[in-house]
Amino acid sequence: MRSTRRNFLLMGGAGLLSLSRSHPTSAQTAAPVFNRFQRPQYLGTTFSPLQCYYLGIDYKKAFQEICQLGFDRIRLGAYWNEIERSPGQYDFTQLDWLLEEAARHKITVALAVGMKVPRWPEFHFPQWVIDRYDTKAGDRALDLRSPDVADLSLKFVDAVAKHCRYSQAIQYWQIENEPFTRLEIAGGRFLSPQFVKREVGLIRSHLWRSQKVLLTNAIHLPTPKLSEDLPAFQDSLEVADAVGFNVYTKVPAGNSGTYLEPEAAFWDQLQSWQKEIVRSGREAWIAEAQAEPWEPQQLVAKNKLDYPSASPRRMKQLVDRLARANYSTVLLWGSEYWYWQKLQGRNLWWWTVKEMTR
């Protein structure tokens, strides 16, 4: 069975990969226990007000507390449907607040921008774009099928860059999110390398001071599918200053009640790619390291407090293993979930993260 993280969400689960050498049916944790936790050079997280909405929590209160956990970096998203609700009319109120709060806590920001940025539904089109243009699934890259949408997206990216580039917090611009992977949860929509290169060129024309470009990639389960994963990696390496991968350690196998854990080939391939990135003078990132549950038939798993697919212990062991694989930046995926758990009177996730950030 091969799939990407979002394939599993549609099948009744979600997840991507881990650096574990355990067998898919193993009940063991994602990595061996080391005597001393190794922290990556830069430890961070992704934060999305959209996920706060799904969880029913106040995004401002959540972000303020998450910023006090001791992270080096936080990834934010510039959501097209939130910022440009009407053609040519931009509202940066929410994003400005997040950037200012991050700067106040001296946290570096990686800002994701484009049609496709982190969190479901992946492609965040304004309703007026959906109503007027073809944004549906297809066998060809969306930008090739809908050049008008591509042009509108470039105008949006240009507007975000002009507005945000002088932010004291922004050090990285992430162009799209896993743009080259055909994801079922994203309707099978994907973008061409040629279009992403245009976006990268546009952002580079606006870069200020030492700002850099980040691109991210998905990897198939249970072993890499190099016919798809390798070209995506190579296209990213060609134009980005930093290349990130998404690492998930335990995902449901449909509705079978069992879970898949990636095979040893993941470790070997990611280690090989880490070395290639460094040899190329780029930065090797883990853009998403699983730190929240992925469960069958649940976009947001909050029906109960404990799930088999994630735990604070697994999270800590995964970060340790990634750091030992010499990935310089590791961004945890699930900060909104830890805050939700905290509101339920469960602080173990929160305390574990604070321990790791020391």
Protein backbone atom coordinates (compact mmCIF):
# COMPACT_ATOMS: atom_id res chain seq x y z
CA MET A 1 0.00 0.00 0.00
CA ARG A 2 1.44 3.32 -1.06
CA SER A 3 0.13 6.69 -0.21
CA THR A 4 0.91 10.17 0.99
CA ARG A 5 -0.24 11.67 4.29
CA ARG A 6 -3.39 13.16 2.82
CA ASN A 7 -4.32 9.98 0.97
CA PHE A 8 -4.67 8.35 4.39
CA LEU A 9 -6.91 11.14 5.63
CA LEU A 10 -9.39 10.41 2.84
CA MET A 11 -9.09 6.68 3.42
CA GLY A 12 -9.82 7.16 7.08
CA GLY A 13 -6.49 8.35 8.39
CA ALA A 14 -3.52 10.53 7.67
CA GLY A 15 0.23 10.51 7.98
CA LEU A 16 3.36 10.60 5.92
CA LEU A 17 6.59 9.11 7.15
CA SER A 18 9.04 8.56 9.93
CA LEU A 19 12.67 7.78 10.34
CA SER A 20 11.79 4.59 12.22
CA ARG A 21 13.29 1.22 11.39
CA SER A 22 10.36 -0.59 13.00
CA HIS A 23 8.08 -2.81 10.92
CA PRO A 24 4.67 -1.43 9.88
CA THR A 25 2.87 -3.62 12.42
CA SER A 26 5.21 -2.83 15.27
CA ALA A 27 3.70 -1.42 18.44
CA GLN A 28 7.03 0.07 19.37
CA THR A 29 7.71 3.78 19.39
CA ALA A 30 9.14 5.61 16.42
CA ALA A 31 12.78 5.53 17.53
CA PRO A 32 15.02 3.99 20.16
CA VAL A 33 15.33 5.79 23.46
CA PHE A 34 18.60 7.67 23.77
CA ASN A 35 20.24 8.49 27.06
CA ARG A 36 20.28 12.19 26.24
CA PHE A 37 17.81 14.14 24.10
CA GLN A 38 19.44 15.87 21.16
CA ARG A 39 17.83 19.15 20.20
CA PRO A 40 18.07 20.31 16.58
CA GLN A 41 19.84 23.58 15.90
CA TYR A 42 16.47 25.23 15.28
CA LEU A 43 13.27 23.84 16.79
CA GLY A 44 9.94 25.30 15.81
CA THR A 45 6.32 24.65 14.88
CA THR A 46 3.58 25.56 12.42
CA PHE A 47 0.67 27.68 13.60
CA SER A 48 -2.65 28.15 11.79
CA PRO A 49 -5.67 30.18 12.95
CA LEU A 50 -7.66 27.87 10.67
CA GLN A 51 -6.80 24.87 12.86
CA CYS A 52 -7.78 26.89 15.92
CA TYR A 53 -11.17 27.42 14.30
CA TYR A 54 -11.54 23.65 13.75
CA LEU A 55 -10.62 23.03 17.41
CA GLY A 56 -12.90 25.78 18.71
CA ILE A 57 -10.16 27.80 20.42
CA ASP A 58 -9.16 31.48 20.38
CA TYR A 59 -6.26 31.83 17.93
CA LYS A 60 -4.80 34.92 19.59
CA LYS A 61 -4.67 33.38 23.05
CA ALA A 62 -3.29 30.16 21.59
CA PHE A 63 -0.56 31.94 19.62
CA GLN A 64 0.48 34.13 22.52
CA GLU A 65 1.03 31.08 24.72
CA ILE A 66 2.70 29.04 21.97
CA CYS A 67 5.15 31.90 21.43
CA GLN A 68 6.22 31.51 25.05
CA LEU A 69 7.23 27.85 24.66
CA GLY A 70 10.77 28.75 23.60
CA PHE A 71 10.70 28.03 19.86
CA ASP A 72 13.32 29.39 17.47
CA ARG A 73 11.05 29.38 14.42
CA ILE A 74 7.35 29.39 13.58
CA ARG A 75 5.78 28.77 10.18
CA LEU A 76 2.72 30.85 9.32
CA GLY A 77 0.49 30.85 6.26
CA ALA A 78 -0.80 33.72 4.13
CA TYR A 79 -4.28 32.40 3.32
CA TRP A 80 -5.54 33.71 -0.02
CA ASN A 81 -9.21 33.23 0.90
CA GLU A 82 -8.75 35.25 4.10
CA ILE A 83 -6.61 38.07 2.74
CA GLU A 84 -8.27 38.74 -0.63
CA ARG A 85 -11.97 38.13 -0.02
CA SER A 86 -12.81 40.51 -2.88
CA PRO A 87 -10.74 41.00 -6.06
CA GLY A 88 -7.86 43.38 -5.42
CA GLN A 89 -8.98 44.18 -1.86
CA TYR A 90 -6.44 42.96 0.71
CA ASP A 91 -6.89 42.60 4.45
CA PHE A 92 -3.67 41.76 6.28
CA THR A 93 -5.04 42.41 9.78
CA GLN A 94 -4.74 38.84 11.06
CA LEU A 95 -1.38 38.13 9.44
CA ASP A 96 0.08 41.43 10.63
CA TRP A 97 -0.91 40.63 14.20
CA LEU A 98 0.74 37.20 14.03
CA LEU A 99 3.95 38.62 12.55
CA GLU A 100 4.12 41.38 15.14
CA GLU A 101 3.55 38.91 17.97
CA ALA A 102 6.29 36.62 16.64
CA ALA A 103 8.68 39.57 16.36
CA ARG A 104 7.82 40.63 19.92
CA HIS A 105 8.94 37.19 21.12
CA LYS A 106 12.01 37.27 18.82
CA ILE A 107 10.87 34.21 16.89
CA THR A 108 11.91 33.79 13.25
CA VAL A 109 9.01 33.24 10.82
CA ALA A 110 8.78 31.13 7.68
CA LEU A 111 5.80 32.54 5.80
CA ALA A 112 4.05 30.16 3.39
CA VAL A 113 2.39 31.90 0.46
CA GLY A 114 0.63 30.83 -2.75
CA MET A 115 -2.49 28.92 -3.75
CA LYS A 116 -1.59 26.06 -1.42
CA VAL A 117 -0.46 26.58 2.18
CA PRO A 118 -0.58 24.35 5.29
CA ARG A 119 -3.83 22.92 6.69
CA TRP A 120 -6.93 21.55 5.02
CA PRO A 121 -8.34 22.15 2.43
CA GLU A 122 -4.80 22.68 1.12
CA PHE A 123 -5.77 25.00 -1.77
CA HIS A 124 -7.27 28.10 -0.16
CA PHE A 125 -9.04 29.83 -3.05
CA PRO A 126 -11.25 32.87 -2.37
CA GLN A 127 -14.87 32.15 -3.20
CA TRP A 128 -14.83 34.66 -6.07
CA VAL A 129 -12.03 32.68 -7.72
CA ILE A 130 -13.94 29.42 -7.32
CA ASP A 131 -17.08 31.01 -8.76
CA ARG A 132 -15.39 32.48 -11.85
CA TYR A 133 -12.58 30.10 -12.79
CA ASP A 134 -11.72 26.42 -13.08
CA THR A 135 -10.17 25.26 -9.81
CA LYS A 136 -11.33 21.65 -10.01
CA ALA A 137 -9.24 18.49 -10.17
CA GLY A 138 -7.55 17.40 -13.36
CA ASP A 139 -4.76 15.31 -14.81
CA ARG A 140 -2.64 18.35 -15.66
CA ALA A 141 -1.08 20.89 -13.34
CA LEU A 142 -3.67 23.42 -12.21
CA ASP A 143 -1.66 26.40 -13.44
CA LEU A 144 -1.50 24.90 -16.95
CA ARG A 145 -5.22 24.13 -17.02
CA SER A 146 -6.24 27.48 -15.51
CA PRO A 147 -3.74 30.18 -16.54
CA ASP A 148 -6.11 32.89 -15.28
CA VAL A 149 -5.98 31.38 -11.77
CA ALA A 150 -2.19 31.20 -12.04
CA ASP A 151 -2.00 34.89 -12.96
CA LEU A 152 -4.32 35.86 -10.10
CA SER A 153 -2.24 33.81 -7.71
CA LEU A 154 0.94 35.58 -8.82
CA LYS A 155 -0.73 38.94 -8.20
CA PHE A 156 -1.69 37.76 -4.73
CA VAL A 157 1.84 36.54 -3.97
CA ASP A 158 3.21 39.87 -5.19
CA ALA A 159 0.82 41.79 -2.92
CA VAL A 160 1.79 39.67 0.12
CA ALA A 161 5.49 40.08 -0.60
CA LYS A 162 5.23 43.85 -0.97
CA HIS A 163 3.22 44.15 2.24
CA CYS A 164 5.15 41.73 4.44
CA ARG A 165 8.75 41.72 3.28
CA TYR A 166 9.90 44.32 5.80
CA SER A 167 8.54 42.35 8.74
CA GLN A 168 11.24 41.97 11.37
CA ALA A 169 10.18 38.35 11.92
CA ILE A 170 10.22 36.92 8.38
CA GLN A 171 13.43 35.15 7.44
CA TYR A 172 12.01 32.52 5.05
CA TRP A 173 9.37 32.55 2.33
CA GLN A 174 7.84 29.14 1.68
CA ILE A 175 6.51 28.96 -1.87
CA GLU A 176 3.36 26.80 -1.90
CA ASN A 177 3.14 23.64 0.25
CA GLU A 178 4.10 20.30 -1.29
CA PRO A 179 3.32 21.84 -4.70
CA PHE A 180 4.47 18.94 -6.90
CA THR A 181 2.64 16.08 -5.15
CA ARG A 182 -0.77 14.89 -6.35
CA LEU A 183 -2.77 14.77 -3.13
CA GLU A 184 -6.22 13.21 -3.04
CA ILE A 185 -7.38 15.43 -0.20
CA ALA A 186 -6.43 18.41 -2.37
CA GLY A 187 -8.65 17.06 -5.13
CA GLY A 188 -5.67 15.68 -7.01
CA ARG A 189 -4.61 19.22 -7.83
CA PHE A 190 -0.92 20.03 -8.16
CA LEU A 191 1.32 22.70 -9.64
CA SER A 192 3.98 22.57 -12.33
CA PRO A 193 7.69 23.15 -11.63
CA GLN A 194 7.63 25.95 -14.20
CA PHE A 195 4.96 27.86 -12.32
CA VAL A 196 6.64 27.39 -8.94
CA LYS A 197 9.86 28.73 -10.48
CA ARG A 198 7.94 31.84 -11.57
CA GLU A 199 6.71 32.27 -8.00
CA VAL A 200 10.21 31.81 -6.63
CA GLY A 201 11.54 34.41 -9.06
CA LEU A 202 8.82 36.82 -8.02
CA ILE A 203 9.56 36.37 -4.32
CA ARG A 204 13.31 36.68 -4.91
CA SER A 205 12.71 40.06 -6.52
CA HIS A 206 11.25 41.20 -3.19
CA LEU A 207 13.64 39.54 -0.73
CA TRP A 208 14.93 41.86 1.94
CA ARG A 209 18.16 41.52 3.91
CA SER A 210 18.96 37.82 4.45
CA GLN A 211 15.52 36.37 3.64
CA LYS A 212 15.53 32.96 1.91
CA VAL A 213 13.24 30.65 -0.06
CA LEU A 214 11.88 27.35 1.33
CA LEU A 215 10.18 24.55 -0.63
CA THR A 216 8.59 21.42 0.90
CA ASN A 217 7.91 17.89 -0.30
CA ALA A 218 5.76 14.89 0.56
CA ILE A 219 7.03 11.29 0.53
CA HIS A 220 5.05 8.12 -0.15
CA LEU A 221 4.24 5.38 2.34
CA PRO A 222 5.35 2.77 3.22
CA THR A 223 8.52 3.31 1.15
CA PRO A 224 9.51 6.23 -1.06
CA LYS A 225 8.07 6.17 -4.57
CA LEU A 226 11.07 7.61 -6.35
CA SER A 227 9.30 8.01 -9.69
CA GLU A 228 7.34 10.84 -8.03
CA ASP A 229 9.30 11.78 -4.91
CA LEU A 230 12.70 12.16 -6.56
CA PRO A 231 11.65 14.67 -9.29
CA ALA A 232 9.85 16.76 -6.63
CA PHE A 233 12.99 16.80 -4.50
CA GLN A 234 15.20 17.71 -7.45
CA ASP A 235 12.87 20.50 -8.59
CA SER A 236 12.91 21.93 -5.04
CA LEU A 237 16.67 21.64 -4.68
CA GLU A 238 17.19 23.49 -7.95
CA VAL A 239 15.51 26.74 -6.88
CA ALA A 240 15.24 26.84 -3.06
CA ASP A 241 17.64 27.89 -0.32
CA ALA A 242 16.06 25.38 2.08
CA VAL A 243 14.31 22.08 1.31
CA GLY A 244 11.87 20.55 3.78
CA PHE A 245 10.25 17.14 4.19
CA ASN A 246 7.17 16.07 6.14
CA VAL A 247 7.71 13.29 8.67
CA TYR A 248 4.84 11.27 10.17
CA THR A 249 5.39 8.17 12.25
CA LYS A 250 2.05 6.40 12.73
CA VAL A 251 -0.97 6.57 10.43
CA PRO A 252 -4.17 4.51 10.19
CA ALA A 253 -4.44 1.87 7.48
CA GLY A 254 -7.87 2.89 6.26
CA ASN A 255 -10.58 1.78 8.65
CA SER A 256 -8.92 -1.54 9.47
CA GLY A 257 -8.10 -0.56 13.04
CA THR A 258 -4.39 -1.04 12.39
CA TYR A 259 -1.66 1.51 11.80
CA LEU A 260 1.18 1.79 9.34
CA GLU A 261 4.67 2.76 10.38
CA PRO A 262 7.13 3.57 7.59
CA GLU A 263 9.83 1.11 6.70
CA ALA A 264 13.59 1.47 6.95
CA ALA A 265 13.86 2.81 3.40
CA PHE A 266 12.53 6.12 4.68
CA TRP A 267 15.51 6.57 6.97
CA ASP A 268 17.97 5.71 4.24
CA GLN A 269 16.37 8.00 1.68
CA LEU A 270 16.00 10.97 4.01
CA GLN A 271 19.58 10.58 5.20
CA SER A 272 20.75 10.49 1.59
CA TRP A 273 18.74 13.57 0.71
CA GLN A 274 19.98 15.42 3.80
CA LYS A 275 23.56 14.89 2.65
CA GLU A 276 22.73 15.99 -0.89
CA ILE A 277 21.04 19.16 0.37
CA VAL A 278 24.04 20.08 2.49
CA ARG A 279 26.48 19.32 -0.35
CA SER A 280 24.45 21.69 -2.50
CA GLY A 281 24.85 24.49 0.03
CA ARG A 282 21.17 24.43 1.04
CA GLU A 283 19.49 23.99 4.42
CA ALA A 284 17.91 20.64 5.29
CA TRP A 285 14.57 21.05 7.07
CA ILE A 286 11.82 18.89 8.46
CA ALA A 287 8.87 21.13 7.69
CA GLU A 288 6.36 18.91 9.53
CA ALA A 289 7.22 16.44 12.29
CA GLN A 290 4.15 14.64 13.61
CA ALA A 291 3.11 15.94 17.02
CA GLU A 292 -0.65 15.46 16.89
CA PRO A 293 -2.89 12.43 16.19
CA TRP A 294 -4.09 11.32 12.76
CA GLU A 295 -7.14 9.09 13.09
CA PRO A 296 -9.65 7.41 10.74
CA GLN A 297 -12.51 9.59 9.52
CA GLN A 298 -11.39 12.61 11.54
CA LEU A 299 -10.04 15.82 10.08
CA VAL A 300 -9.37 17.01 13.64
CA ALA A 301 -9.08 14.29 16.26
CA LYS A 302 -10.63 15.71 19.42
CA ASN A 303 -13.37 13.26 20.37
CA LYS A 304 -11.14 11.92 23.12
CA LEU A 305 -7.88 12.91 24.80
CA ASP A 306 -5.64 9.96 23.85
CA TYR A 307 -5.10 8.33 20.47
CA PRO A 308 -2.78 5.52 19.32
CA SER A 309 -1.27 7.57 16.49
CA ALA A 310 0.54 10.18 18.60
CA SER A 311 1.94 10.77 22.06
CA PRO A 312 4.36 13.22 23.70
CA ARG A 313 6.91 10.43 24.03
CA ARG A 314 6.77 9.59 20.30
CA MET A 315 7.08 13.29 19.49
CA LYS A 316 10.21 13.69 21.59
CA GLN A 317 11.83 10.55 20.18
CA LEU A 318 11.08 11.66 16.63
CA VAL A 319 12.68 15.07 17.15
CA ASP A 320 15.73 13.40 18.69
CA ARG A 321 16.11 11.07 15.69
CA LEU A 322 15.71 13.90 13.19
CA ALA A 323 18.32 15.96 15.00
CA ARG A 324 20.71 13.00 14.93
CA ALA A 325 20.10 12.77 11.17
CA ASN A 326 21.51 16.33 11.02
CA TYR A 327 18.35 18.11 9.93
CA SER A 328 19.12 21.60 11.18
CA THR A 329 15.51 22.81 11.45
CA VAL A 330 12.61 20.71 12.75
CA LEU A 331 9.10 22.18 12.82
CA LEU A 332 6.58 20.30 14.95
CA TRP A 333 3.10 19.84 13.50
CA GLY A 334 0.37 20.19 16.12
CA SER A 335 0.88 23.27 18.28
CA GLU A 336 -2.82 24.11 18.25
CA TYR A 337 -3.59 20.59 19.48
CA TRP A 338 -1.24 20.89 22.46
CA TYR A 339 -2.97 24.13 23.46
CA TRP A 340 -6.38 22.45 23.11
CA GLN A 341 -5.13 19.61 25.32
CA LYS A 342 -3.92 22.18 27.85
CA LEU A 343 -7.40 23.70 27.95
CA GLN A 344 -8.76 20.25 28.77
CA GLY A 345 -6.49 20.13 31.82
CA ARG A 346 -3.98 17.82 30.14
CA ASN A 347 -0.51 19.40 30.18
CA LEU A 348 1.77 16.52 29.17
CA TRP A 349 2.13 17.65 25.54
CA TRP A 350 2.78 21.21 26.69
CA TRP A 351 5.37 20.23 29.32
CA THR A 352 7.14 17.89 26.89
CA VAL A 353 7.51 20.65 24.30
CA LYS A 354 8.82 23.06 26.91
CA GLU A 355 11.37 20.44 27.95
CA MET A 356 12.52 19.99 24.33
CA THR A 357 12.89 23.72 23.68
CA ARG A 358 15.31 24.23 26.57
